[in-house]
């Protein structure tokens, strides 16, 4: 079980048990102290099979080794490397300076591990059963690894400083008495924070945390049926990318790589609210194929988030709200089926520069997207979309968006203004389809010419008058600001006089709507 090279009887304190004496010697030798039996069922640290005194050490002796242990044997480096060991009592290292390398695999702790304000070089707990890890303000020069561990009463890493990587892959963490599974507010991670395939039962709190490279929650399952938030991470800073994406289950693929063909895929799943308000992400926030199971009062909240790219490619939340108010995005990568229904999307002040739709996303669906986000009329979402489309060279689509804005605005106007709006829409589409003015002018001109060709007409001045031309007479009626010398020279009576007045009125209406549309176009330019 133990490498015992260099063992001298006088080196080991008399008070140690046989198991502890072996650990003591392995520490001096820098070797692995393995007490596994070889039976996978018996050796499972999370199982119910009891481990007897032959594989049990006291936490006090472990702390003695780490804080004030014996010197290494000649030519060796002391290190605590345990496998299949049961540790009884509270492991108390608060405020301690731990120099040796620490790696515990498949171990079982009877009581919590207390490390507040302790300093380590590197600390690795792999596939261990730990009632609770209390490590506020812990400091590591290298990694803190906790993969495949199970914590029955949560983890506390508030204001911790991890020099390189924090690993929580495949860990299972249950909530503490405050309802949090992992409390890591104010934590700093020098490089990556990997929590792939993590199971969190309670609130995962990362308020004001800072991650030097990327934060990966690929394939993680976050659930908090006890409160509103499953992930609470306002003011989170990630220098590169936040991944809320699928992961391959099983195998040894590297983080971030595409799983091998045939590998079972597990999506990121969040059962409870997710809050990333005021977050800063250097590369992207990636929600590809993410699933959100929210109640009516819960939110996927991205208020005032800043990131070059938001990949909103998850499943549509059936309940709850998606909030992007005040967010600043460069590239919005999305698909039509990812956004929630009307009333559950809020985008006030949401700014984006480019749209990169994945799959079909016609303009009609994009307009429905804006309508879903604005229960009451607001011009800004329409103007933002039009500006983005215009910058992409989609001028016709941009005009359609602005036309939709005017139609939405019309519904908020008084009756008279609403009627004028309908007239402007029917005639020149609020100036966004100027070709309609020419069509209406041609129709009215042709109709008037045919009608006035049969009209009785008398000259206003019998001595001198121009040649009667129904076409010029009609055109003179339709152009209120241009005098073609026809209207004042002829007199009509009866029904023709009423038709003359109608043509003048229609001409003024057409001219007014054209002027309003031109003013709107010039103001837009």
Protein backbone atom coordinates (compact mmCIF):
# COMPACT_ATOMS: atom_id res chain seq x y z
CA UNK A 1 0.00 0.00 0.00
CA UNK A 2 2.75 2.45 0.88
CA UNK A 3 6.10 3.28 -0.49
CA UNK A 4 8.29 3.00 2.61
CA UNK A 5 11.77 3.73 1.27
CA UNK A 6 13.99 5.30 3.92
CA UNK A 7 11.66 4.47 6.82
CA UNK A 8 13.36 4.80 10.21
CA UNK A 9 11.37 3.94 13.35
CA UNK A 10 12.45 7.04 15.26
CA UNK A 11 11.13 9.34 12.53
CA UNK A 12 7.45 8.71 13.37
CA UNK A 13 5.77 10.15 16.51
CA UNK A 14 4.58 7.47 18.87
CA UNK A 15 1.00 8.77 19.02
CA UNK A 16 0.27 7.92 15.37
CA UNK A 17 -1.79 4.95 14.34
CA UNK A 18 -0.43 2.51 11.80
CA UNK A 19 -2.35 4.22 8.99
CA UNK A 20 -1.11 7.64 10.09
CA UNK A 21 2.46 6.40 10.40
CA UNK A 22 2.33 5.21 6.80
CA UNK A 23 0.95 8.59 5.71
CA UNK A 24 3.72 10.34 7.65
CA UNK A 25 6.42 8.40 5.87
CA UNK A 26 4.80 8.79 2.43
CA UNK A 27 4.69 12.56 3.03
CA UNK A 28 8.46 12.66 3.65
CA UNK A 29 8.99 10.53 0.58
CA UNK A 30 6.65 12.64 -1.62
CA UNK A 31 4.89 9.45 -2.74
CA UNK A 32 1.25 8.45 -3.05
CA UNK A 33 -0.26 6.89 0.07
CA UNK A 34 -2.88 4.58 -1.43
CA UNK A 35 -5.25 2.70 0.89
CA UNK A 36 -7.68 1.53 -1.78
CA UNK A 37 -8.71 -2.11 -1.58
CA UNK A 38 -9.07 -2.67 -5.30
CA UNK A 39 -12.84 -3.28 -5.05
CA UNK A 40 -14.59 -0.40 -6.87
CA UNK A 41 -17.75 -0.73 -4.76
CA UNK A 42 -15.87 -0.69 -1.46
CA UNK A 43 -13.54 2.10 -2.58
CA UNK A 44 -16.30 4.45 -3.78
CA UNK A 45 -15.94 7.50 -1.46
CA UNK A 46 -19.59 8.43 -2.10
CA UNK A 47 -20.94 4.95 -1.40
CA UNK A 48 -22.23 3.53 1.85
CA UNK A 49 -19.56 0.90 2.45
CA UNK A 50 -17.77 1.62 5.77
CA UNK A 51 -14.05 2.27 5.87
CA UNK A 52 -12.39 0.92 9.00
CA UNK A 53 -9.43 2.10 11.07
CA UNK A 54 -6.96 0.48 8.67
CA UNK A 55 -7.67 3.26 6.17
CA UNK A 56 -8.57 6.09 8.58
CA UNK A 57 -6.41 9.05 9.62
CA UNK A 58 -7.20 12.01 11.87
CA UNK A 59 -7.59 15.47 10.34
CA UNK A 60 -5.34 16.84 13.09
CA UNK A 61 -2.44 14.74 11.84
CA UNK A 62 -3.05 15.83 8.25
CA UNK A 63 -2.92 19.47 9.38
CA UNK A 64 0.28 18.75 11.36
CA UNK A 65 1.94 17.44 8.20
CA UNK A 66 0.83 20.38 6.09
CA UNK A 67 1.66 23.16 8.54
CA UNK A 68 4.66 21.80 10.40
CA UNK A 69 5.53 18.46 8.89
CA UNK A 70 8.87 16.66 8.97
CA UNK A 71 11.55 17.41 6.39
CA UNK A 72 11.65 15.45 3.15
CA UNK A 73 13.91 12.46 2.84
CA UNK A 74 17.18 13.07 1.09
CA UNK A 75 16.68 13.73 -2.60
CA UNK A 76 12.85 13.88 -2.32
CA UNK A 77 10.24 16.65 -2.12
CA UNK A 78 7.64 16.33 0.60
CA UNK A 79 4.03 16.24 -0.57
CA UNK A 80 0.69 15.01 0.72
CA UNK A 81 -0.73 12.58 -1.84
CA UNK A 82 -3.55 10.44 -0.48
CA UNK A 83 -5.84 7.96 -2.21
CA UNK A 84 -8.74 6.06 -0.68
CA UNK A 85 -8.21 7.53 2.80
CA UNK A 86 -10.89 8.38 5.35
CA UNK A 87 -10.20 11.58 7.32
CA UNK A 88 -12.00 12.04 10.64
CA UNK A 89 -12.49 15.32 12.51
CA UNK A 90 -12.51 18.84 11.14
CA UNK A 91 -9.62 19.67 8.86
CA UNK A 92 -8.75 23.13 10.21
CA UNK A 93 -6.15 25.14 8.28
CA UNK A 94 -7.57 28.64 8.72
CA UNK A 95 -4.90 31.28 8.17
CA UNK A 96 -2.21 28.67 7.63
CA UNK A 97 0.69 28.72 5.20
CA UNK A 98 0.76 25.37 3.37
CA UNK A 99 3.90 24.89 1.31
CA UNK A 100 3.75 21.18 0.30
CA UNK A 101 1.86 20.06 -2.77
CA UNK A 102 -1.54 18.61 -1.79
CA UNK A 103 -3.48 16.05 -3.81
CA UNK A 104 -6.24 13.84 -2.38
CA UNK A 105 -8.03 11.36 -4.66
CA UNK A 106 -11.05 9.30 -3.80
CA UNK A 107 -10.91 10.30 -0.12
CA UNK A 108 -13.73 10.59 2.35
CA UNK A 109 -14.03 13.40 4.92
CA UNK A 110 -16.26 12.89 7.94
CA UNK A 111 -16.42 16.62 8.73
CA UNK A 112 -16.02 19.89 6.87
CA UNK A 113 -12.74 21.20 5.48
CA UNK A 114 -11.93 24.67 6.77
CA UNK A 115 -9.40 26.72 4.79
CA UNK A 116 -10.35 30.43 5.27
CA UNK A 117 -7.42 32.76 4.58
CA UNK A 118 -5.06 29.82 4.14
CA UNK A 119 -2.34 29.97 1.49
CA UNK A 120 -1.43 27.04 -0.77
CA UNK A 121 0.81 26.45 -3.74
CA UNK A 122 -1.55 23.94 -5.39
CA UNK A 123 -4.52 22.11 -3.87
CA UNK A 124 -6.25 19.20 -5.57
CA UNK A 125 -9.23 17.28 -4.19
CA UNK A 126 -10.38 14.80 -6.84
CA UNK A 127 -13.46 12.59 -6.51
CA UNK A 128 -13.68 13.19 -2.76
CA UNK A 129 -16.71 13.19 -0.45
CA UNK A 130 -16.67 16.43 1.57
CA UNK A 131 -19.49 17.59 3.87
CA UNK A 132 -18.54 21.23 3.26
CA UNK A 133 -15.60 23.28 1.99
CA UNK A 134 -15.19 26.55 3.87
CA UNK A 135 -12.49 28.51 2.01
CA UNK A 136 -13.29 32.21 2.10
CA UNK A 137 -10.28 34.34 1.10
CA UNK A 138 -8.17 31.24 0.43
CA UNK A 139 -5.13 31.95 -1.73
CA UNK A 140 -3.44 29.54 -4.13
CA UNK A 141 -0.40 30.30 -6.24
CA UNK A 142 -1.39 27.55 -8.66
CA UNK A 143 -4.55 25.52 -9.20
CA UNK A 144 -7.50 24.68 -7.01
CA UNK A 145 -8.98 21.45 -8.37
CA UNK A 146 -12.25 19.99 -7.08
CA UNK A 147 -13.44 17.75 -9.95
CA UNK A 148 -15.95 14.96 -9.32
CA UNK A 149 -16.16 15.86 -5.63
CA UNK A 150 -19.45 15.88 -3.77
CA UNK A 151 -20.24 18.57 -1.22
CA UNK A 152 -23.32 17.97 0.91
CA UNK A 153 -23.43 21.45 2.46
CA UNK A 154 -21.93 23.70 -0.15
CA UNK A 155 -18.68 25.46 -0.97
CA UNK A 156 -17.62 28.89 0.16
CA UNK A 157 -14.94 30.67 -1.90
CA UNK A 158 -15.88 34.27 -1.15
CA UNK A 159 -13.04 36.66 -2.08
CA UNK A 160 -10.78 33.69 -2.84
CA UNK A 161 -7.75 34.19 -5.07
CA UNK A 162 -6.87 31.31 -7.38
CA UNK A 163 -3.54 31.86 -9.12
CA UNK A 164 -4.21 29.77 -12.22
CA UNK A 165 -7.21 27.42 -12.78
CA UNK A 166 -10.27 26.54 -10.72
CA UNK A 167 -11.74 23.17 -11.71
CA UNK A 168 -15.19 22.01 -10.66
CA UNK A 169 -15.85 19.60 -13.51
CA UNK A 170 -18.49 16.95 -12.70
CA UNK A 171 -18.72 18.13 -9.09
CA UNK A 172 -22.04 17.77 -7.27
CA UNK A 173 -22.79 20.53 -4.79
CA UNK A 174 -25.82 20.86 -2.51
CA UNK A 175 -26.93 24.04 -0.82
CA UNK A 176 -25.85 25.29 2.57
CA UNK A 177 -28.11 26.80 5.22
CA UNK A 178 -28.18 30.13 3.35
CA UNK A 179 -29.46 28.42 0.21
CA UNK A 180 -26.21 28.71 -1.76
CA UNK A 181 -24.47 25.77 -3.34
CA UNK A 182 -21.33 27.71 -4.23
CA UNK A 183 -20.72 31.13 -2.71
CA UNK A 184 -17.85 32.72 -4.67
CA UNK A 185 -18.64 36.43 -4.58
CA UNK A 186 -15.58 38.57 -5.26
CA UNK A 187 -13.47 35.57 -6.25
CA UNK A 188 -10.53 36.04 -8.63
CA UNK A 189 -9.32 33.26 -10.95
CA UNK A 190 -6.09 33.92 -12.80
CA UNK A 191 -6.86 31.74 -15.80
CA UNK A 192 -9.81 29.40 -16.49
CA UNK A 193 -12.79 28.54 -14.33
CA UNK A 194 -14.07 25.19 -15.56
CA UNK A 195 -17.29 23.82 -14.11
CA UNK A 196 -18.30 21.50 -16.92
CA UNK A 197 -21.02 18.93 -16.12
CA UNK A 198 -21.35 20.53 -12.69
CA UNK A 199 -24.51 19.76 -10.73
CA UNK A 200 -25.52 22.66 -8.52
CA UNK A 201 -28.51 22.28 -6.18
CA UNK A 202 -29.01 25.79 -4.83
CA UNK A 203 -27.77 29.24 -5.80
CA UNK A 204 -24.43 29.46 -7.59
CA UNK A 205 -23.26 32.94 -6.61
CA UNK A 206 -20.45 34.67 -8.54
CA UNK A 207 -21.19 38.30 -7.80
CA UNK A 208 -18.31 40.59 -8.84
CA UNK A 209 -16.10 37.59 -9.60
CA UNK A 210 -13.22 37.95 -12.08
CA UNK A 211 -11.96 35.24 -14.42
CA UNK A 212 -8.70 35.83 -16.28
CA UNK A 213 -9.48 33.70 -19.35
CA UNK A 214 -12.75 31.77 -19.88
CA UNK A 215 -15.58 30.51 -17.70
CA UNK A 216 -17.02 27.20 -18.87
CA UNK A 217 -20.31 25.80 -17.62
CA UNK A 218 -20.63 23.42 -20.55
CA UNK A 219 -23.15 20.71 -19.81
CA UNK A 220 -23.75 22.00 -16.29
CA UNK A 221 -27.09 21.50 -14.56
CA UNK A 222 -28.06 24.35 -12.24
CA UNK A 223 -31.23 23.97 -10.21
CA UNK A 224 -32.62 26.06 -7.40
CA UNK A 225 -36.26 25.26 -6.62
CA UNK A 226 -35.96 27.07 -3.28
CA UNK A 227 -35.41 30.66 -4.53
CA UNK A 228 -35.53 32.82 -7.68
CA UNK A 229 -31.93 32.45 -8.89
CA UNK A 230 -29.93 29.39 -9.88
CA UNK A 231 -26.99 31.50 -11.15
CA UNK A 232 -26.47 34.88 -9.52
CA UNK A 233 -23.52 36.62 -11.18
CA UNK A 234 -23.98 40.39 -11.52
CA UNK A 235 -20.84 42.41 -12.32
CA UNK A 236 -19.06 39.24 -13.40
CA UNK A 237 -15.91 39.89 -15.46
CA UNK A 238 -14.62 37.24 -17.88
CA UNK A 239 -11.69 38.27 -20.03
CA UNK A 240 -12.69 35.94 -22.86
CA UNK A 241 -15.84 33.78 -23.17
CA UNK A 242 -18.65 32.55 -20.93
CA UNK A 243 -19.79 29.14 -22.19
CA UNK A 244 -23.33 27.98 -21.36
CA UNK A 245 -23.20 25.29 -24.04
CA UNK A 246 -23.32 21.47 -24.40
CA UNK A 247 -20.57 19.09 -23.30
CA UNK A 248 -19.75 15.53 -24.18
CA UNK A 249 -20.47 13.01 -21.43
CA UNK A 250 -17.78 10.39 -20.90
CA UNK A 251 -14.47 10.11 -22.69
CA UNK A 252 -11.39 12.19 -22.16
CA UNK A 253 -11.96 15.01 -24.63
CA UNK A 254 -10.32 18.31 -23.80
CA UNK A 255 -12.40 21.22 -22.62
CA UNK A 256 -13.77 23.27 -25.49
CA UNK A 257 -13.19 20.65 -28.18
CA UNK A 258 -15.93 19.14 -30.31
CA UNK A 259 -17.03 15.82 -28.77
CA UNK A 260 -16.15 12.72 -30.78
CA UNK A 261 -18.86 11.26 -32.98
CA UNK A 262 -21.20 9.05 -30.99
CA UNK A 263 -20.46 10.83 -27.71
CA UNK A 264 -23.56 11.55 -25.64
CA UNK A 265 -24.20 15.28 -25.44
CA UNK A 266 -25.45 17.01 -22.30
CA UNK A 267 -26.76 20.53 -22.69
CA UNK A 268 -26.37 23.36 -20.23
CA UNK A 269 -29.58 23.49 -18.21
CA UNK A 270 -30.73 26.12 -15.75
CA UNK A 271 -33.81 25.49 -13.61
CA UNK A 272 -34.19 28.86 -11.97
CA UNK A 273 -33.33 32.45 -12.74
CA UNK A 274 -30.02 33.47 -14.26
CA UNK A 275 -28.60 36.93 -13.57
CA UNK A 276 -25.58 38.38 -15.42
CA UNK A 277 -26.41 42.07 -14.98
CA UNK A 278 -23.57 44.56 -15.62
CA UNK A 279 -21.25 41.74 -16.71
CA UNK A 280 -18.19 42.33 -18.91
CA UNK A 281 -17.12 39.59 -21.32
CA UNK A 282 -14.08 40.09 -23.54
CA UNK A 283 -15.05 37.73 -26.38
CA UNK A 284 -18.57 36.34 -26.10
CA UNK A 285 -21.49 35.01 -24.09
CA UNK A 286 -22.40 31.70 -25.71
CA UNK A 287 -25.83 30.16 -25.01
CA UNK A 288 -25.86 27.65 -27.84
CA UNK A 289 -28.53 24.96 -27.21
CA UNK A 290 -28.93 26.11 -23.60
CA UNK A 291 -32.14 25.23 -21.80
CA UNK A 292 -33.89 27.50 -19.30
CA UNK A 293 -36.78 26.29 -17.16
CA UNK A 294 -38.18 29.41 -15.49
CA UNK A 295 -41.27 30.24 -13.49
CA UNK A 296 -43.37 33.29 -14.34
CA UNK A 297 -41.48 35.50 -11.88
CA UNK A 298 -37.97 34.38 -12.90
CA UNK A 299 -35.68 35.95 -15.50
CA UNK A 300 -32.79 35.32 -17.80
CA UNK A 301 -31.35 38.73 -17.07
CA UNK A 302 -28.58 40.31 -19.18
CA UNK A 303 -29.17 43.92 -18.17
CA UNK A 304 -26.33 46.28 -19.20
CA UNK A 305 -24.09 43.39 -20.28
CA UNK A 306 -21.14 44.39 -22.50
CA UNK A 307 -19.68 41.82 -24.89
CA UNK A 308 -18.48 41.72 -28.50
CA UNK A 309 -20.77 38.78 -29.25
CA UNK A 310 -23.93 37.30 -27.80
CA UNK A 311 -24.80 33.86 -29.17
CA UNK A 312 -28.50 33.59 -28.28
CA UNK A 313 -29.06 30.12 -29.69
CA UNK A 314 -30.73 28.23 -26.87
CA UNK A 315 -34.21 26.75 -26.61
CA UNK A 316 -37.07 29.22 -26.27
CA UNK A 317 -38.00 29.65 -22.57
CA UNK A 318 -41.62 28.63 -22.21
CA UNK A 319 -42.12 30.83 -19.14
CA UNK A 320 -40.30 33.65 -17.40
CA UNK A 321 -38.67 36.69 -19.00
CA UNK A 322 -35.58 37.44 -21.07
CA UNK A 323 -34.24 40.90 -20.24
CA UNK A 324 -31.60 42.68 -22.38
CA UNK A 325 -32.30 46.23 -21.27
CA UNK A 326 -29.25 48.46 -21.62
CA UNK A 327 -27.02 45.68 -22.99
CA UNK A 328 -24.27 46.63 -25.46
CA UNK A 329 -23.45 43.98 -28.08
CA UNK A 330 -21.40 44.13 -31.29
CA UNK A 331 -22.57 40.90 -32.97
CA UNK A 332 -25.96 39.44 -32.10
CA UNK A 333 -25.92 35.82 -33.26
CA UNK A 334 -29.42 34.41 -32.88
CA UNK A 335 -32.17 32.33 -34.38
CA UNK A 336 -35.88 32.98 -34.62
CA UNK A 337 -36.91 30.07 -32.40
CA UNK A 338 -34.70 31.09 -29.47
CA UNK A 339 -36.63 34.20 -28.41
CA UNK A 340 -39.61 34.11 -26.00
CA UNK A 341 -43.16 35.02 -26.85
CA UNK A 342 -44.66 38.51 -26.65
CA UNK A 343 -44.63 40.01 -23.18
CA UNK A 344 -41.66 37.94 -22.02
CA UNK A 345 -38.91 39.87 -23.83
CA UNK A 346 -37.59 43.26 -22.72
CA UNK A 347 -35.01 45.19 -24.77
CA UNK A 348 -35.24 48.84 -23.72
CA UNK A 349 -31.94 50.51 -24.58
CA UNK A 350 -30.53 47.30 -26.08
CA UNK A 351 -27.77 48.23 -28.57
CA UNK A 352 -26.23 45.94 -31.17
CA UNK A 353 -24.22 46.65 -34.31
CA UNK A 354 -24.55 43.53 -36.45
CA UNK A 355 -27.15 40.80 -36.85
CA UNK A 356 -25.88 37.30 -37.63
CA UNK A 357 -28.98 35.08 -37.80
CA UNK A 358 -28.50 31.32 -37.77
CA UNK A 359 -31.11 29.73 -39.99
CA UNK A 360 -34.16 31.45 -41.51
CA UNK A 361 -35.02 34.74 -39.85
CA UNK A 362 -37.20 36.74 -42.29
CA UNK A 363 -37.88 40.40 -41.71
CA UNK A 364 -41.48 39.70 -40.69
CA UNK A 365 -40.19 37.50 -37.85
CA UNK A 366 -37.66 40.18 -36.90
CA UNK A 367 -40.48 42.72 -36.66
CA UNK A 368 -42.43 40.27 -34.50
CA UNK A 369 -39.28 40.06 -32.34
CA UNK A 370 -39.43 43.82 -31.74
CA UNK A 371 -43.18 43.76 -31.16
CA UNK A 372 -42.69 41.01 -28.57
CA UNK A 373 -40.27 43.24 -26.69
CA UNK A 374 -42.43 46.39 -26.69
CA UNK A 375 -45.81 46.03 -25.04
CA UNK A 376 -46.24 49.76 -25.63
CA UNK A 377 -44.95 51.70 -28.62
CA UNK A 378 -41.29 52.72 -28.37
CA UNK A 379 -39.39 54.08 -31.40
CA UNK A 380 -35.87 53.10 -30.30
CA UNK A 381 -35.96 49.34 -31.08
CA UNK A 382 -37.24 50.03 -34.62
CA UNK A 383 -34.67 52.76 -35.24
CA UNK A 384 -31.86 50.52 -33.94
CA UNK A 385 -32.89 47.67 -36.24
CA UNK A 386 -33.21 50.01 -39.22
CA UNK A 387 -29.76 51.49 -38.58
CA UNK A 388 -28.19 48.02 -38.39
CA UNK A 389 -29.90 46.91 -41.61
CA UNK A 390 -28.89 50.11 -43.40
CA UNK A 391 -25.28 49.67 -42.29
CA UNK A 392 -25.40 46.16 -43.74
CA UNK A 393 -26.62 47.52 -47.09
CA UNK A 394 -30.22 46.33 -46.61
CA UNK A 395 -31.85 49.68 -47.40
CA UNK A 396 -35.18 48.21 -48.52
CA UNK A 397 -35.51 46.21 -45.29
CA UNK A 398 -34.54 49.29 -43.28
CA UNK A 399 -37.40 51.24 -44.91
CA UNK A 400 -39.80 48.41 -44.10
CA UNK A 401 -38.77 48.59 -40.45
CA UNK A 402 -39.31 52.35 -40.29
CA UNK A 403 -42.67 51.93 -42.00
CA UNK A 404 -43.61 49.35 -39.36
CA UNK A 405 -42.57 51.88 -36.72
CA UNK A 406 -44.96 54.50 -38.14
CA UNK A 407 -47.80 52.01 -38.30
CA UNK A 408 -47.18 51.01 -34.68
CA UNK A 409 -47.04 54.68 -33.66
CA UNK A 410 -50.32 55.39 -35.51
CA UNK A 411 -52.23 53.17 -33.09
CA UNK A 412 -51.31 55.52 -30.22
CA UNK A 413 -52.61 58.71 -31.94
CA UNK A 414 -55.97 60.51 -31.59
CA UNK A 415 -58.68 59.70 -34.13
CA UNK A 416 -58.01 62.63 -36.49
CA UNK A 417 -54.25 62.06 -36.53
CA UNK A 418 -54.86 58.34 -36.95
CA UNK A 419 -57.02 59.04 -40.03
CA UNK A 420 -54.31 61.24 -41.52
CA UNK A 421 -51.82 58.46 -40.79
CA UNK A 422 -53.93 55.97 -42.73
CA UNK A 423 -54.07 58.40 -45.65
CA UNK A 424 -50.29 58.81 -45.59
CA UNK A 425 -49.89 55.03 -45.43
CA UNK A 426 -52.25 54.32 -48.33
CA UNK A 427 -50.80 57.00 -50.54
CA UNK A 428 -47.02 57.07 -50.04
CA UNK A 429 -46.47 54.63 -47.14
CA UNK A 430 -45.33 57.50 -44.90
CA UNK A 431 -42.75 58.48 -47.52
CA UNK A 432 -40.90 55.15 -47.44
CA UNK A 433 -42.44 54.10 -50.77
CA UNK A 434 -42.30 57.35 -52.79
CA UNK A 435 -43.16 55.53 -56.00
CA UNK A 436 -46.73 55.28 -54.77
CA UNK A 437 -47.14 59.07 -55.23
CA UNK A 438 -46.46 58.78 -58.94
CA UNK A 439 -48.91 55.87 -59.23
CA UNK A 440 -51.68 57.78 -57.44
CA UNK A 441 -50.98 60.88 -59.54
CA UNK A 442 -51.17 58.85 -62.76
CA UNK A 443 -54.43 57.16 -61.71
CA UNK A 444 -56.11 60.42 -60.71
CA UNK A 445 -54.82 62.20 -63.82
CA UNK A 446 -56.12 59.47 -66.13
CA UNK A 447 -59.49 59.26 -64.37
CA UNK A 448 -59.89 63.03 -64.37
CA UNK A 449 -58.93 63.33 -68.02
CA UNK A 450 -61.50 60.73 -69.06
CA UNK A 451 -64.19 62.36 -66.91
CA UNK A 452 -63.59 65.98 -67.92
CA UNK A 453 -63.49 65.03 -71.59
CA UNK A 454 -67.29 64.76 -71.33
CA UNK A 455 -67.78 67.83 -69.13
CA UNK A 456 -69.65 70.90 -70.21
CA UNK A 457 -67.28 73.89 -69.94
CA UNK A 458 -67.70 77.57 -70.51
CA UNK A 459 -64.84 80.06 -70.79
CA UNK A 460 -64.54 82.52 -67.92
CA UNK A 461 -63.35 85.16 -70.38
CA UNK A 462 -65.25 85.07 -73.70
CA UNK A 463 -62.86 87.40 -75.43
CA UNK A 464 -59.70 85.41 -74.82
CA UNK A 465 -59.18 81.88 -73.43
CA UNK A 466 -56.82 78.94 -73.99
CA UNK A 467 -57.64 75.74 -75.87
CA UNK A 468 -59.72 73.31 -73.71
CA UNK A 469 -57.57 70.37 -72.65
CA UNK A 470 -59.07 67.85 -70.17
CA UNK A 471 -55.59 66.47 -69.44
CA UNK A 472 -54.05 69.88 -68.62
CA UNK A 473 -57.18 70.92 -66.70
CA UNK A 474 -56.98 67.77 -64.52
CA UNK A 475 -53.25 68.23 -63.95
CA UNK A 476 -53.80 71.86 -62.97
CA UNK A 477 -56.33 70.70 -60.36
CA UNK A 478 -53.98 68.04 -58.92
CA UNK A 479 -50.93 70.33 -58.63
CA UNK A 480 -51.98 72.97 -56.07
CA UNK A 481 -48.75 74.94 -56.14
CA UNK A 482 -48.35 75.06 -59.94
CA UNK A 483 -50.57 77.16 -62.24
CA UNK A 484 -50.93 75.69 -65.72
CA UNK A 485 -53.40 78.38 -66.80
CA UNK A 486 -56.45 76.11 -67.09
CA UNK A 487 -58.46 76.17 -63.85
CA UNK A 488 -59.11 79.90 -63.81
CA UNK A 489 -60.08 80.03 -67.48
CA UNK A 490 -63.01 77.57 -67.49
CA UNK A 491 -66.25 77.30 -65.56
CA UNK A 492 -67.91 73.98 -64.73
CA UNK A 493 -71.41 73.45 -63.39
CA UNK A 494 -73.41 70.78 -61.64
CA UNK A 495 -71.72 67.48 -60.88
CA UNK A 496 -68.58 68.58 -62.74
CA UNK A 497 -68.11 71.41 -60.28
CA UNK A 498 -68.18 68.85 -57.44
CA UNK A 499 -65.68 66.67 -59.27
CA UNK A 500 -63.44 69.71 -59.73
CA UNK A 501 -63.49 70.38 -55.96
CA UNK A 502 -62.78 66.72 -55.21
CA UNK A 503 -59.75 66.78 -57.52
CA UNK A 504 -58.42 69.89 -55.80
CA UNK A 505 -58.87 68.25 -52.37
CA UNK A 506 -57.16 65.06 -53.51
CA UNK A 507 -54.32 67.08 -54.94
CA UNK A 508 -53.77 68.85 -51.63
CA UNK A 509 -53.91 65.57 -49.69
CA UNK A 510 -51.40 63.98 -52.05
CA UNK A 511 -49.11 67.00 -51.89
CA UNK A 512 -49.29 67.11 -48.09
CA UNK A 513 -48.48 63.44 -47.67
CA UNK A 514 -45.62 63.66 -50.18
CA UNK A 515 -44.21 66.67 -48.30
CA UNK A 516 -44.52 64.87 -44.95
CA UNK A 517 -42.79 61.81 -46.37
CA UNK A 518 -40.01 63.88 -47.92
CA UNK A 519 -39.47 65.70 -44.62
CA UNK A 520 -39.25 62.37 -42.82
CA UNK A 521 -36.75 61.02 -45.35
CA UNK A 522 -34.59 64.14 -45.13
CA UNK A 523 -34.67 64.04 -41.33
CA UNK A 524 -33.65 60.35 -41.43
CA UNK A 525 -30.79 61.16 -43.80
